[in-house]
Amino acid sequence: MKLNIQGMSCQHCVAAVREALTDVDGVTQVINVDLSSGVAEIEGNPEPAAVVAAVEAEGYTASVA
């Protein structure tokens, strides 16, 4: 699953998003969180709404790509 994420501006943001995604039930691996493109890629079978909610809880805007 790929996500479009808006609001990341530094490596701390990337780390916060990576950690939030790792904690979502059904996510088996966070493959990449790319600051320049604003795209995150994860593996597993999580609920899309749960993934978006986890990123938004960190203060960013997210949508399934």
N, C-alpha and C. Protein backbone atom coordinates (compact mmCIF):
# COMPACT_ATOMS: atom_id res chain seq x y z
N MET A 1 0.86 -1.17 0.00
CA MET A 1 0.00 0.00 0.00
C MET A 1 0.90 1.24 0.00
N LYS A 2 0.52 2.22 -0.79
CA LYS A 2 1.24 3.48 -0.81
C LYS A 2 0.35 4.59 -0.26
N LEU A 3 0.99 5.52 0.44
CA LEU A 3 0.29 6.65 1.01
C LEU A 3 0.92 7.94 0.52
N ASN A 4 0.09 8.92 0.27
CA ASN A 4 0.57 10.28 0.03
C ASN A 4 0.49 11.01 1.36
N ILE A 5 1.61 11.62 1.77
CA ILE A 5 1.67 12.30 3.06
C ILE A 5 2.11 13.73 2.86
N GLN A 6 1.35 14.66 3.42
CA GLN A 6 1.69 16.07 3.33
C GLN A 6 2.05 16.59 4.72
N GLY A 7 3.01 17.49 4.75
CA GLY A 7 3.37 18.14 6.00
C GLY A 7 4.72 17.72 6.56
N MET A 8 5.35 16.71 5.97
CA MET A 8 6.68 16.32 6.45
C MET A 8 7.71 17.33 5.95
N SER A 9 8.61 17.73 6.86
CA SER A 9 9.61 18.73 6.46
C SER A 9 11.04 18.36 6.85
N CYS A 10 11.22 17.25 7.58
CA CYS A 10 12.57 16.90 8.03
C CYS A 10 12.64 15.40 8.33
N GLN A 11 13.83 14.95 8.67
CA GLN A 11 14.01 13.53 8.97
C GLN A 11 13.29 13.11 10.25
N HIS A 12 13.09 14.05 11.17
CA HIS A 12 12.30 13.73 12.36
C HIS A 12 10.86 13.38 11.96
N CYS A 13 10.34 14.11 10.99
CA CYS A 13 8.99 13.82 10.48
C CYS A 13 8.94 12.41 9.89
N VAL A 14 9.95 12.07 9.11
CA VAL A 14 10.02 10.75 8.49
C VAL A 14 10.02 9.67 9.57
N ALA A 15 10.83 9.87 10.61
CA ALA A 15 10.92 8.89 11.69
C ALA A 15 9.59 8.77 12.43
N ALA A 16 8.90 9.88 12.65
CA ALA A 16 7.61 9.86 13.35
C ALA A 16 6.57 9.10 12.53
N VAL A 17 6.55 9.33 11.23
CA VAL A 17 5.60 8.63 10.35
C VAL A 17 5.93 7.14 10.31
N ARG A 18 7.22 6.81 10.17
CA ARG A 18 7.64 5.41 10.13
C ARG A 18 7.21 4.69 11.41
N GLU A 19 7.42 5.30 12.56
CA GLU A 19 7.06 4.68 13.82
C GLU A 19 5.55 4.52 13.94
N ALA A 20 4.80 5.54 13.53
CA ALA A 20 3.33 5.46 13.59
C ALA A 20 2.81 4.33 12.71
N LEU A 21 3.37 4.19 11.52
CA LEU A 21 2.93 3.14 10.60
C LEU A 21 3.28 1.76 11.13
N THR A 22 4.44 1.64 11.75
CA THR A 22 4.88 0.36 12.30
C THR A 22 3.92 -0.15 13.36
N ASP A 23 3.29 0.76 14.08
CA ASP A 23 2.39 0.40 15.18
C ASP A 23 0.98 0.03 14.75
N VAL A 24 0.65 0.18 13.47
CA VAL A 24 -0.70 -0.12 12.99
C VAL A 24 -0.87 -1.63 12.83
N ASP A 25 -1.96 -2.17 13.39
CA ASP A 25 -2.25 -3.60 13.22
C ASP A 25 -2.35 -3.93 11.74
N GLY A 26 -1.69 -5.00 11.34
CA GLY A 26 -1.74 -5.45 9.95
C GLY A 26 -0.56 -5.00 9.12
N VAL A 27 0.20 -4.01 9.60
CA VAL A 27 1.40 -3.58 8.88
C VAL A 27 2.52 -4.54 9.24
N THR A 28 3.07 -5.22 8.23
CA THR A 28 4.16 -6.15 8.48
C THR A 28 5.52 -5.51 8.26
N GLN A 29 5.58 -4.48 7.41
CA GLN A 29 6.84 -3.79 7.16
C GLN A 29 6.58 -2.41 6.58
N VAL A 30 7.34 -1.43 7.06
CA VAL A 30 7.36 -0.11 6.43
C VAL A 30 8.54 -0.13 5.48
N ILE A 31 8.25 -0.15 4.19
CA ILE A 31 9.30 -0.28 3.19
C ILE A 31 10.07 1.03 3.05
N ASN A 32 9.33 2.13 2.97
CA ASN A 32 9.98 3.41 2.73
C ASN A 32 9.05 4.55 3.14
N VAL A 33 9.66 5.60 3.67
CA VAL A 33 8.97 6.88 3.89
C VAL A 33 9.88 7.91 3.26
N ASP A 34 9.46 8.48 2.14
CA ASP A 34 10.31 9.38 1.38
C ASP A 34 9.91 10.84 1.61
N LEU A 35 10.83 11.60 2.15
CA LEU A 35 10.57 13.00 2.47
C LEU A 35 10.33 13.83 1.21
N SER A 36 11.16 13.65 0.19
CA SER A 36 11.08 14.52 -0.99
C SER A 36 9.80 14.31 -1.80
N SER A 37 9.34 13.06 -1.89
CA SER A 37 8.12 12.80 -2.67
C SER A 37 6.87 12.82 -1.80
N GLY A 38 7.03 12.68 -0.48
CA GLY A 38 5.87 12.62 0.40
C GLY A 38 5.09 11.33 0.25
N VAL A 39 5.80 10.25 -0.07
CA VAL A 39 5.15 8.95 -0.26
C VAL A 39 5.72 7.94 0.73
N ALA A 40 4.83 7.18 1.33
CA ALA A 40 5.23 6.06 2.19
C ALA A 40 4.70 4.78 1.56
N GLU A 41 5.48 3.72 1.71
CA GLU A 41 5.06 2.43 1.18
C GLU A 41 5.16 1.40 2.30
N ILE A 42 4.07 0.66 2.49
CA ILE A 42 4.03 -0.35 3.53
C ILE A 42 3.58 -1.68 2.96
N GLU A 43 3.92 -2.76 3.68
CA GLU A 43 3.45 -4.10 3.34
C GLU A 43 2.53 -4.59 4.44
N GLY A 44 1.67 -5.50 4.08
CA GLY A 44 0.74 -6.09 5.03
C GLY A 44 -0.69 -5.89 4.55
N ASN A 45 -1.61 -6.09 5.47
CA ASN A 45 -3.02 -5.98 5.14
C ASN A 45 -3.76 -5.15 6.19
N PRO A 46 -3.30 -3.91 6.42
CA PRO A 46 -3.97 -3.07 7.42
C PRO A 46 -5.24 -2.44 6.86
N GLU A 47 -6.09 -1.99 7.75
CA GLU A 47 -7.25 -1.19 7.34
C GLU A 47 -6.73 0.15 6.83
N PRO A 48 -7.09 0.56 5.61
CA PRO A 48 -6.63 1.85 5.11
C PRO A 48 -6.95 3.01 6.04
N ALA A 49 -8.13 3.01 6.63
CA ALA A 49 -8.51 4.10 7.53
C ALA A 49 -7.61 4.14 8.76
N ALA A 50 -7.17 2.98 9.24
CA ALA A 50 -6.29 2.93 10.41
C ALA A 50 -4.91 3.50 10.08
N VAL A 51 -4.45 3.22 8.88
CA VAL A 51 -3.15 3.74 8.45
C VAL A 51 -3.20 5.26 8.34
N VAL A 52 -4.23 5.77 7.69
CA VAL A 52 -4.40 7.21 7.55
C VAL A 52 -4.53 7.87 8.92
N ALA A 53 -5.32 7.28 9.80
CA ALA A 53 -5.52 7.84 11.13
C ALA A 53 -4.22 7.88 11.92
N ALA A 54 -3.37 6.87 11.79
CA ALA A 54 -2.10 6.84 12.51
C ALA A 54 -1.19 7.98 12.06
N VAL A 55 -1.15 8.23 10.77
CA VAL A 55 -0.32 9.32 10.24
C VAL A 55 -0.91 10.67 10.67
N GLU A 56 -2.21 10.81 10.58
CA GLU A 56 -2.85 12.07 10.96
C GLU A 56 -2.72 12.35 12.45
N ALA A 57 -2.65 11.31 13.27
CA ALA A 57 -2.46 11.49 14.71
C ALA A 57 -1.10 12.10 15.02
N GLU A 58 -0.15 11.95 14.09
CA GLU A 58 1.18 12.54 14.24
C GLU A 58 1.22 13.99 13.74
N GLY A 59 0.11 14.45 13.15
CA GLY A 59 0.03 15.84 12.72
C GLY A 59 0.22 16.07 11.23
N TYR A 60 0.17 15.00 10.44
CA TYR A 60 0.35 15.12 9.00
C TYR A 60 -0.97 14.77 8.31
N THR A 61 -1.07 15.11 7.05
CA THR A 61 -2.22 14.76 6.24
C THR A 61 -1.85 13.55 5.39
N ALA A 62 -2.75 12.57 5.32
CA ALA A 62 -2.43 11.35 4.57
C ALA A 62 -3.64 10.89 3.77
N SER A 63 -3.34 10.22 2.67
CA SER A 63 -4.37 9.58 1.87
C SER A 63 -3.74 8.37 1.17
N VAL A 64 -4.58 7.36 0.92
CA VAL A 64 -4.10 6.18 0.21
C VAL A 64 -3.88 6.58 -1.24
N ALA A 65 -2.71 6.23 -1.76
CA ALA A 65 -2.36 6.59 -3.15
C ALA A 65 -3.02 5.65 -4.12
